[in-house]
Protein backbone atom coordinates (compact mmCIF):
# COMPACT_ATOMS: atom_id res chain seq x y z
CA MET A 1 215.10 225.91 -25.04
CA THR A 2 214.81 224.22 -28.44
CA THR A 3 212.38 225.76 -30.90
CA HIS A 4 210.42 223.14 -32.81
CA LEU A 5 210.14 224.38 -36.39
CA PRO A 6 207.85 223.06 -39.12
CA PRO A 7 209.28 221.44 -42.24
CA PHE A 8 210.16 224.20 -44.67
CA ASP A 9 209.24 224.31 -48.34
CA TRP A 10 211.78 227.04 -49.13
CA ASP A 11 215.22 227.87 -47.71
CA ILE A 12 216.72 231.14 -48.99
CA PHE A 13 220.31 232.11 -48.15
CA CYS A 14 221.40 235.75 -48.40
CA CYS A 15 224.75 237.36 -47.73
CA VAL A 16 224.12 241.11 -47.32
CA VAL A 17 226.15 243.19 -49.78
CA ASP A 18 225.95 246.96 -50.25
CA ASN A 19 223.52 247.19 -47.31
CA PHE A 20 220.18 246.79 -49.07
CA GLY A 21 220.53 245.35 -52.58
CA ASP A 22 220.80 241.59 -52.01
CA ILE A 23 218.63 241.53 -48.91
CA GLY A 24 216.06 243.74 -50.64
CA VAL A 25 215.61 241.18 -53.41
CA THR A 26 215.62 238.12 -51.18
CA TRP A 27 213.17 239.63 -48.68
CA ARG A 28 210.74 240.43 -51.48
CA LEU A 29 211.23 236.90 -52.84
CA ALA A 30 210.61 235.32 -49.44
CA ARG A 31 207.39 237.25 -48.91
CA GLN A 32 206.07 236.51 -52.38
CA LEU A 33 206.85 232.81 -52.04
CA LYS A 34 205.02 232.81 -48.71
CA ARG A 35 201.96 234.35 -50.33
CA GLU A 36 202.04 232.83 -53.82
CA GLY A 37 204.59 230.03 -54.13
CA ASN A 38 202.36 227.13 -53.15
CA ILE A 39 204.34 224.07 -54.20
CA ALA A 40 203.76 222.13 -50.96
CA ALA A 41 202.59 218.71 -52.08
CA HIS A 42 200.96 218.10 -48.72
CA GLY A 43 198.66 221.07 -49.33
CA ASP A 44 199.53 222.87 -46.11
CA GLU A 45 200.50 226.50 -45.86
CA VAL A 46 203.84 227.26 -47.51
CA GLN A 47 206.73 227.65 -45.05
CA VAL A 48 209.68 229.89 -45.93
CA ARG A 49 212.96 230.27 -44.03
CA LEU A 50 215.33 233.14 -44.85
CA TRP A 51 218.98 232.89 -43.74
CA VAL A 52 220.68 236.30 -43.40
CA ASP A 53 224.22 237.07 -42.22
CA ASP A 54 223.66 240.78 -41.37
CA LEU A 55 220.46 241.32 -39.41
CA ALA A 56 221.32 244.93 -38.51
CA SER A 57 221.26 246.03 -42.16
CA PHE A 58 218.18 243.90 -42.80
CA ALA A 59 216.33 245.61 -39.93
CA ARG A 60 216.61 248.99 -41.66
CA ILE A 61 214.16 247.85 -44.36
CA CYS A 62 212.26 245.47 -42.06
CA PRO A 63 211.27 247.38 -38.91
CA GLY A 64 209.67 244.31 -37.31
CA LEU A 65 213.00 242.45 -37.17
CA ASP A 66 215.02 242.21 -33.93
CA PRO A 67 218.73 241.97 -34.88
CA ALA A 68 219.55 240.47 -31.45
CA GLN A 69 217.50 237.32 -32.03
CA ASP A 70 219.06 234.27 -33.65
CA GLY A 71 215.74 233.02 -35.01
CA GLN A 72 212.35 234.73 -35.27
CA TRP A 73 209.12 234.90 -37.25
CA VAL A 74 208.43 238.08 -39.26
CA ASP A 75 205.42 238.35 -41.60
CA GLY A 76 204.97 234.58 -41.42
CA ILE A 77 208.57 233.93 -42.53
CA TYR A 78 211.21 232.40 -40.26
CA ILE A 79 214.33 234.59 -40.17
CA GLN A 80 217.45 232.64 -39.22
CA HIS A 81 220.68 234.48 -38.42
CA TRP A 82 223.30 232.88 -40.65
CA HIS A 83 226.64 232.58 -38.85
CA ASP A 84 229.41 230.02 -38.41
CA THR A 85 227.37 227.68 -36.20
CA LEU A 86 224.27 226.19 -37.78
CA PRO A 87 221.34 224.82 -35.75
CA THR A 88 221.93 221.16 -34.87
CA ASP A 89 218.37 220.12 -35.74
CA MET A 90 218.46 221.79 -39.16
CA THR A 91 216.63 220.07 -42.00
CA PRO A 92 216.98 221.55 -45.52
CA ALA A 93 213.79 222.63 -47.23
CA ARG A 94 212.34 221.08 -50.36
CA VAL A 95 213.82 223.95 -52.38
CA VAL A 96 217.09 225.63 -51.36
CA ILE A 97 217.92 228.98 -52.95
CA GLU A 98 221.48 230.23 -52.89
CA ALA A 99 221.00 233.92 -53.66
CA PHE A 100 223.64 235.67 -55.74
CA ALA A 101 226.32 232.96 -55.42
CA CYS A 102 226.56 233.45 -51.65
CA GLU A 103 227.82 229.83 -51.22
CA LEU A 104 225.86 227.58 -48.92
CA PRO A 105 227.61 226.46 -45.71
CA ALA A 106 229.33 223.09 -46.12
CA PRO A 107 227.36 221.36 -43.31
CA PHE A 108 224.12 222.38 -44.99
CA ILE A 109 225.24 220.93 -48.33
CA GLU A 110 226.28 217.72 -46.58
CA ARG A 111 222.84 217.46 -45.02
CA MET A 112 221.28 217.92 -48.44
CA ALA A 113 223.41 215.05 -49.74
CA GLU A 114 222.27 212.85 -46.84
CA LEU A 115 218.67 213.53 -47.75
CA MET A 116 219.42 212.60 -51.33
CA ALA A 117 220.50 209.18 -50.17
CA SER A 118 217.44 208.65 -47.99
CA GLN A 119 214.60 210.33 -49.88
CA PRO A 120 213.18 209.73 -53.37
CA LYS A 121 213.13 213.48 -54.04
CA PRO A 122 216.00 215.35 -52.36
CA PRO A 123 216.08 219.15 -51.99
CA CYS A 124 216.24 221.09 -55.26
CA TRP A 125 219.19 223.49 -55.23
CA ILE A 126 218.77 226.82 -57.06
CA ASN A 127 221.50 229.40 -57.61
CA LEU A 128 219.54 232.64 -58.04
CA GLU A 129 221.85 234.91 -60.00
CA TYR A 130 222.02 238.68 -60.31
CA LEU A 131 219.71 240.36 -62.78
CA SER A 132 221.29 240.93 -66.17
CA ALA A 133 220.18 241.99 -69.64
CA GLU A 134 223.22 240.38 -71.28
CA SER A 135 222.37 237.96 -74.09
CA TRP A 136 224.45 235.07 -72.72
CA VAL A 137 222.15 234.57 -69.71
CA GLU A 138 219.51 233.03 -71.99
CA ASP A 139 221.92 230.18 -72.78
CA CYS A 140 222.82 229.59 -69.11
CA HIS A 141 219.37 229.98 -67.55
CA GLY A 142 218.10 226.68 -66.15
CA LEU A 143 221.36 224.77 -66.67
CA ALA A 144 222.45 222.24 -64.06
CA SER A 145 225.88 222.24 -62.46
CA PRO A 146 226.68 218.85 -60.84
CA GLN A 147 228.19 219.21 -57.35
CA ARG A 148 230.05 216.24 -55.86
CA VAL A 149 229.41 215.80 -52.13
CA GLY A 150 230.95 212.64 -50.69
CA ASN A 151 229.42 209.74 -52.58
CA GLN A 152 226.52 211.83 -53.84
CA SER A 153 226.11 214.17 -56.79
CA LEU A 154 223.78 217.14 -56.36
CA ASN A 155 222.59 219.34 -59.20
CA LYS A 156 222.68 223.08 -58.68
CA TYR A 157 220.46 224.87 -61.20
CA PHE A 158 221.24 228.37 -62.42
CA PHE A 159 218.26 230.70 -62.45
CA PHE A 160 218.80 234.06 -64.10
CA PRO A 161 216.33 236.94 -63.66
CA GLY A 162 216.00 238.84 -66.90
CA PHE A 163 213.97 240.77 -69.43
CA THR A 164 213.11 238.10 -72.00
CA ALA A 165 210.95 234.98 -72.19
CA LYS A 166 214.08 232.79 -72.09
CA THR A 167 215.12 234.05 -68.64
CA GLY A 168 213.62 233.94 -65.14
CA GLY A 169 211.77 237.24 -65.41
CA LEU A 170 211.47 239.82 -62.62
CA LEU A 171 210.03 239.77 -59.12
CA CYS A 172 206.50 241.19 -59.18
CA GLU A 173 203.73 240.36 -56.73
CA HIS A 174 200.50 239.39 -58.44
CA ASP A 175 198.54 242.31 -57.02
CA LEU A 176 201.27 244.94 -57.41
CA ILE A 177 200.13 246.53 -60.67
CA ALA A 178 196.53 246.86 -59.48
CA GLU A 179 197.75 248.49 -56.25
CA ARG A 180 199.91 250.89 -58.24
CA GLU A 181 197.03 251.88 -60.51
CA GLN A 182 194.74 252.53 -57.58
CA TRP A 183 197.42 254.60 -55.82
CA GLN A 184 198.31 256.75 -58.83
CA GLN A 185 194.66 257.53 -59.63
CA ASP A 186 193.71 258.52 -56.06
CA ASP A 187 194.27 262.29 -55.86
CA ALA A 188 193.02 262.53 -52.27
CA GLY A 189 195.22 259.64 -51.25
CA LEU A 190 198.26 261.23 -52.89
CA ALA A 191 197.60 264.51 -51.09
CA ALA A 192 197.42 262.59 -47.80
CA TYR A 193 200.66 260.81 -48.67
CA TRP A 194 202.51 264.07 -49.32
CA ALA A 195 201.12 265.46 -46.07
CA SER A 196 202.48 262.43 -44.22
CA LEU A 197 205.93 263.43 -45.50
CA GLY A 198 205.43 267.03 -44.40
CA LEU A 199 204.79 268.36 -47.91
CA PRO A 200 201.85 270.24 -49.46
CA PRO A 201 199.92 268.72 -52.39
CA ARG A 202 201.84 268.72 -55.65
CA GLN A 203 201.40 271.94 -57.64
CA GLU A 204 200.17 271.76 -61.23
CA HIS A 205 203.54 272.41 -62.84
CA GLU A 206 205.74 271.14 -60.05
CA LEU A 207 208.13 268.22 -60.59
CA ARG A 208 208.69 265.71 -57.82
CA VAL A 209 211.78 263.52 -57.99
CA SER A 210 213.04 260.68 -55.81
CA LEU A 211 216.77 260.02 -55.68
CA PHE A 212 218.41 256.87 -54.28
CA THR A 213 221.76 256.49 -56.04
CA TYR A 214 225.44 255.98 -55.37
CA GLU A 215 227.89 258.86 -55.37
CA SER A 216 228.27 260.54 -58.78
CA GLU A 217 229.78 263.79 -60.03
CA ALA A 218 226.82 263.98 -62.39
CA LEU A 219 224.54 264.78 -59.47
CA ASN A 220 226.19 268.18 -58.96
CA SER A 221 225.18 269.45 -62.40
CA LEU A 222 221.76 267.81 -62.26
CA VAL A 223 220.94 269.41 -58.91
CA GLU A 224 222.21 272.77 -60.18
CA SER A 225 219.74 272.47 -63.05
CA TRP A 226 216.91 271.85 -60.62
CA CYS A 227 217.90 274.88 -58.55
CA GLN A 228 217.73 277.03 -61.69
CA SER A 229 214.56 275.41 -63.05
CA ALA A 230 211.77 277.63 -64.34
CA THR A 231 209.28 275.38 -62.54
CA PRO A 232 209.46 274.17 -58.92
CA VAL A 233 211.30 270.90 -58.25
CA THR A 234 210.90 268.94 -55.02
CA LEU A 235 213.55 266.30 -54.42
CA LEU A 236 212.68 263.39 -52.12
CA LEU A 237 216.06 262.23 -50.82
CA PRO A 238 216.43 259.24 -48.50
CA LEU A 239 219.51 259.68 -46.32
CA GLY A 240 222.35 257.74 -47.92
CA ARG A 241 225.39 257.77 -50.14
CA SER A 242 224.27 260.52 -52.53
CA LEU A 243 223.56 263.12 -49.82
CA GLN A 244 226.87 265.00 -50.07
CA ASP A 245 226.81 265.25 -53.87
CA VAL A 246 223.22 266.55 -53.81
CA LEU A 247 223.84 269.18 -51.14
CA ARG A 248 227.03 270.38 -52.85
CA GLY A 249 225.16 270.72 -56.14
CA ALA A 250 222.55 272.80 -54.34
CA GLY A 251 225.20 275.00 -52.71
CA LEU A 252 224.22 273.70 -49.28
CA GLU A 253 227.60 272.30 -48.18
CA GLY A 254 227.07 273.74 -44.72
CA ALA A 255 224.14 271.39 -44.14
CA ILE A 256 226.11 268.20 -44.85
CA THR A 257 227.20 267.58 -41.26
CA THR A 258 223.87 268.52 -39.68
CA ALA A 259 221.39 267.07 -42.19
CA LYS A 260 218.84 264.70 -40.69
CA ALA A 261 215.66 262.97 -41.73
CA GLY A 262 212.72 265.34 -41.82
CA ASP A 263 214.74 268.42 -42.80
CA LEU A 264 213.33 270.65 -45.54
CA LEU A 265 216.05 272.53 -47.43
CA HIS A 266 215.73 275.18 -50.14
CA SER A 267 218.03 276.40 -52.91
CA GLY A 268 216.69 278.49 -55.79
CA ASN A 269 213.61 276.75 -57.17
CA LEU A 270 214.61 273.42 -55.58
CA THR A 271 213.15 272.05 -52.36
CA ILE A 272 214.91 269.05 -50.80
CA LYS A 273 213.01 266.83 -48.39
CA LEU A 274 215.28 264.46 -46.46
CA LEU A 275 213.61 261.13 -45.75
CA PRO A 276 214.45 258.34 -43.31
CA MET A 277 214.96 254.80 -44.55
CA THR A 278 211.61 253.14 -45.14
CA ASP A 279 210.30 249.64 -45.54
CA GLN A 280 209.83 248.21 -49.02
CA ALA A 281 206.13 249.02 -49.26
CA GLY A 282 206.91 252.62 -48.35
CA TYR A 283 209.59 252.82 -51.03
CA ASP A 284 207.18 251.48 -53.64
CA ARG A 285 204.71 254.22 -52.76
CA LEU A 286 207.43 256.84 -53.09
CA LEU A 287 208.31 255.58 -56.59
CA TRP A 288 204.63 255.49 -57.60
CA SER A 289 204.14 259.08 -56.45
CA CYS A 290 207.08 260.82 -58.12
CA ASP A 291 207.39 262.12 -61.68
CA LEU A 292 210.98 260.89 -62.02
CA ASN A 293 212.94 258.31 -60.02
CA LEU A 294 216.71 257.98 -59.86
CA VAL A 295 217.51 254.50 -58.58
CA ARG A 296 220.46 252.21 -58.06
CA GLY A 297 221.48 248.56 -57.80
CA GLU A 298 218.92 245.86 -58.54
CA ASP A 299 215.97 245.99 -56.16
CA SER A 300 215.15 249.70 -56.51
CA PHE A 301 215.90 249.43 -60.25
CA VAL A 302 213.24 246.75 -60.73
CA ARG A 303 210.72 248.54 -58.54
CA ALA A 304 211.17 251.72 -60.57
CA GLN A 305 210.13 249.78 -63.67
CA TRP A 306 206.95 248.55 -61.95
CA ALA A 307 206.22 252.16 -60.96
CA ALA A 308 205.67 252.94 -64.66
CA ARG A 309 207.38 256.31 -64.27
CA PRO A 310 210.45 257.79 -65.97
CA PHE A 311 213.61 256.60 -64.21
CA LEU A 312 217.40 256.74 -64.48
CA TRP A 313 219.47 253.73 -63.39
CA HIS A 314 222.72 254.19 -61.48
CA ILE A 315 224.20 250.72 -61.86
CA TYR A 316 226.73 249.30 -59.39
CA GLN A 317 230.22 250.23 -60.60
CA GLN A 318 232.55 247.42 -61.65
CA GLU A 319 236.20 247.20 -62.69
CA GLU A 320 237.13 248.08 -66.28
CA ASP A 321 233.67 249.69 -66.69
CA ALA A 322 232.03 246.29 -67.07
CA HIS A 323 228.87 247.82 -65.58
CA LEU A 324 228.52 250.16 -68.55
CA VAL A 325 228.25 247.18 -70.89
CA LYS A 326 225.43 245.80 -68.73
CA LEU A 327 223.75 249.20 -68.71
CA GLU A 328 223.94 249.48 -72.50
CA GLN A 329 222.44 246.03 -72.96
CA PHE A 330 219.56 246.86 -70.65
CA LEU A 331 218.96 250.06 -72.61
CA ASP A 332 218.90 248.00 -75.80
CA HIS A 333 215.88 246.18 -74.37
CA TYR A 334 214.28 249.18 -72.71
CA LEU A 335 214.44 251.39 -75.80
CA SER A 336 213.74 248.71 -78.40
CA ASP A 337 210.03 249.44 -78.94
CA LEU A 338 209.98 253.17 -78.25
CA SER A 339 209.50 253.78 -81.96
CA ASP A 340 205.76 253.07 -81.72
CA LEU A 341 205.08 255.86 -79.27
CA ALA A 342 205.93 259.25 -80.78
CA ASP A 343 206.95 261.32 -83.80
CA LEU A 344 210.58 261.59 -82.64
CA PRO A 345 211.29 258.19 -81.09
CA ALA A 346 214.88 257.89 -82.30
CA GLU A 347 215.83 261.25 -80.79
CA CYS A 348 214.13 260.41 -77.51
CA ALA A 349 215.82 257.01 -77.35
CA GLN A 350 219.21 258.58 -78.00
CA TRP A 351 218.57 261.17 -75.29
CA LEU A 352 217.58 258.51 -72.75
CA ARG A 353 220.69 256.48 -73.54
CA ARG A 354 222.96 259.51 -73.20
CA PHE A 355 221.28 260.54 -69.97
CA ASN A 356 221.75 257.13 -68.32
CA LEU A 357 225.37 256.94 -69.47
CA ALA A 358 226.13 260.47 -68.27
CA LEU A 359 224.82 259.68 -64.79
CA ASN A 360 226.96 256.55 -64.62
CA ARG A 361 230.07 258.22 -66.04
CA GLY A 362 229.81 261.23 -63.76
CA GLU A 363 229.38 263.67 -66.64
CA ASP A 364 227.70 267.08 -66.78
CA CYS A 365 223.94 266.64 -67.19
CA ARG A 366 222.74 270.22 -67.64
CA GLU A 367 222.20 270.07 -71.39
CA LEU A 368 220.54 266.66 -71.07
CA TRP A 369 218.17 267.88 -68.37
CA ALA A 370 217.20 270.83 -70.58
CA GLN A 371 215.44 268.28 -72.85
CA TRP A 372 213.14 267.01 -70.08
CA PRO A 373 210.14 269.18 -71.13
CA ARG A 374 210.45 267.91 -74.68
CA TYR A 375 210.61 264.19 -73.92
CA SER A 376 209.05 263.62 -70.49
CA ALA A 377 205.55 262.81 -71.79
CA ILE A 378 206.74 260.13 -74.20
CA TRP A 379 209.03 258.74 -71.50
CA GLN A 380 206.06 258.48 -69.16
CA GLN A 381 204.02 256.72 -71.84
CA HIS A 382 206.85 254.31 -72.52
CA GLY A 383 207.19 253.49 -68.82
CA ARG A 384 203.64 252.17 -68.76
CA SER A 385 203.97 250.08 -71.91
CA TRP A 386 207.33 248.71 -70.70
CA SER A 387 205.91 247.48 -67.39
CA GLN A 388 203.15 245.69 -69.29
CA LYS A 389 205.62 244.09 -71.67
CA LEU A 390 207.74 242.71 -68.82
CA LEU A 391 204.83 240.63 -67.50
CA ARG A 392 203.75 239.02 -70.76
CA ASP A 393 205.63 235.80 -69.97
CA GLY A 394 205.07 235.80 -66.20
CA ASP A 395 206.89 237.12 -63.16
CA LEU A 396 209.92 235.48 -61.53
CA VAL A 397 208.04 233.43 -58.92
CA THR A 398 205.61 232.10 -61.54
CA ARG A 399 208.52 231.03 -63.75
CA LEU A 400 210.46 229.59 -60.81
CA VAL A 401 207.55 227.44 -59.65
CA LYS A 402 206.99 226.22 -63.21
CA PHE A 403 210.70 225.38 -63.50
CA LEU A 404 210.54 223.37 -60.27
CA GLU A 405 207.35 221.43 -61.05
CA SER A 406 209.23 218.62 -62.80
CA ARG A 407 212.09 218.56 -60.30
CA ILE A 408 210.50 218.23 -56.87
């Protein structure tokens, strides 16, 4: 039976890489566009279609999704399984987003070219790039790349998320900061949240840490430090790639093969709570609740910044250590205005840079962690001012809609 679909305002294509990074970003984008991206000239409700090649991975962060269905509605967004055969009645949306250079299917591009010949305003084609703090993205952001399709020429526009006014900004829902503030100031709500995870309320001097990283030798020494800490440390650890390194660092190698979500493990003054994968709203609440967040990739990295808490970024490793250059350039931005916040800003900035680099190089972190009591308060203060700074020129969807206003 043919499903009659409405005309779409937004088509977003996502090829799942590294399980949750690319789909995490595009799912957040799709939901925000549905709620806030009202560019429909006809004034009707915005319609968003998300094309995804790996529904099984997507379902792990979107519990309402059925991986067996080729097409389905979830949270008001139409999820289309992207495979070799495209729907015969497919009509491209008014804006087509190619996320992270995933390359649109040729028949879809051909259909876009047909619309260009028959409509005064053909679909606008956006290549949403990976987030980068590198200076060159300012020069490339918004540039058009002509694409020849038959007798037609389509422009593909490069849109770079970033940390400056000359880039596309970062994904941030309009009500996110207010929700975060309400959550972090609600002591009773936080106690109920910890109870929902099987934990008691946070003790006065206890440190609670979330960890969602790749594998790293640095985790062994960091976890050893937590085991030997003078104050209690509770580690919230979603099951994933860092599990073995964490348990080895805690001297709990025997639990590696039997560890499961819900387990509560102890080693010295460290308590480890193993968590199942959660949806994106649940992950945000975890970041908001912890004193320190270790994050990876792009999506969790950005959400840690909106949490306004201290965080360490485990960036995706690239050949010839190209990722370390990207990390350094982000840190240049992140640490640039720390000097206004404390008596020893230069020392704190140097410590934060060394700490991030040590995590990404797999180096021993014990001496770095020993400085946490000295610098954690200023780091916390900086996290709040940084999240405010990032929104001065608007979030990504606001900038994207503004960019499109003259093109559709």
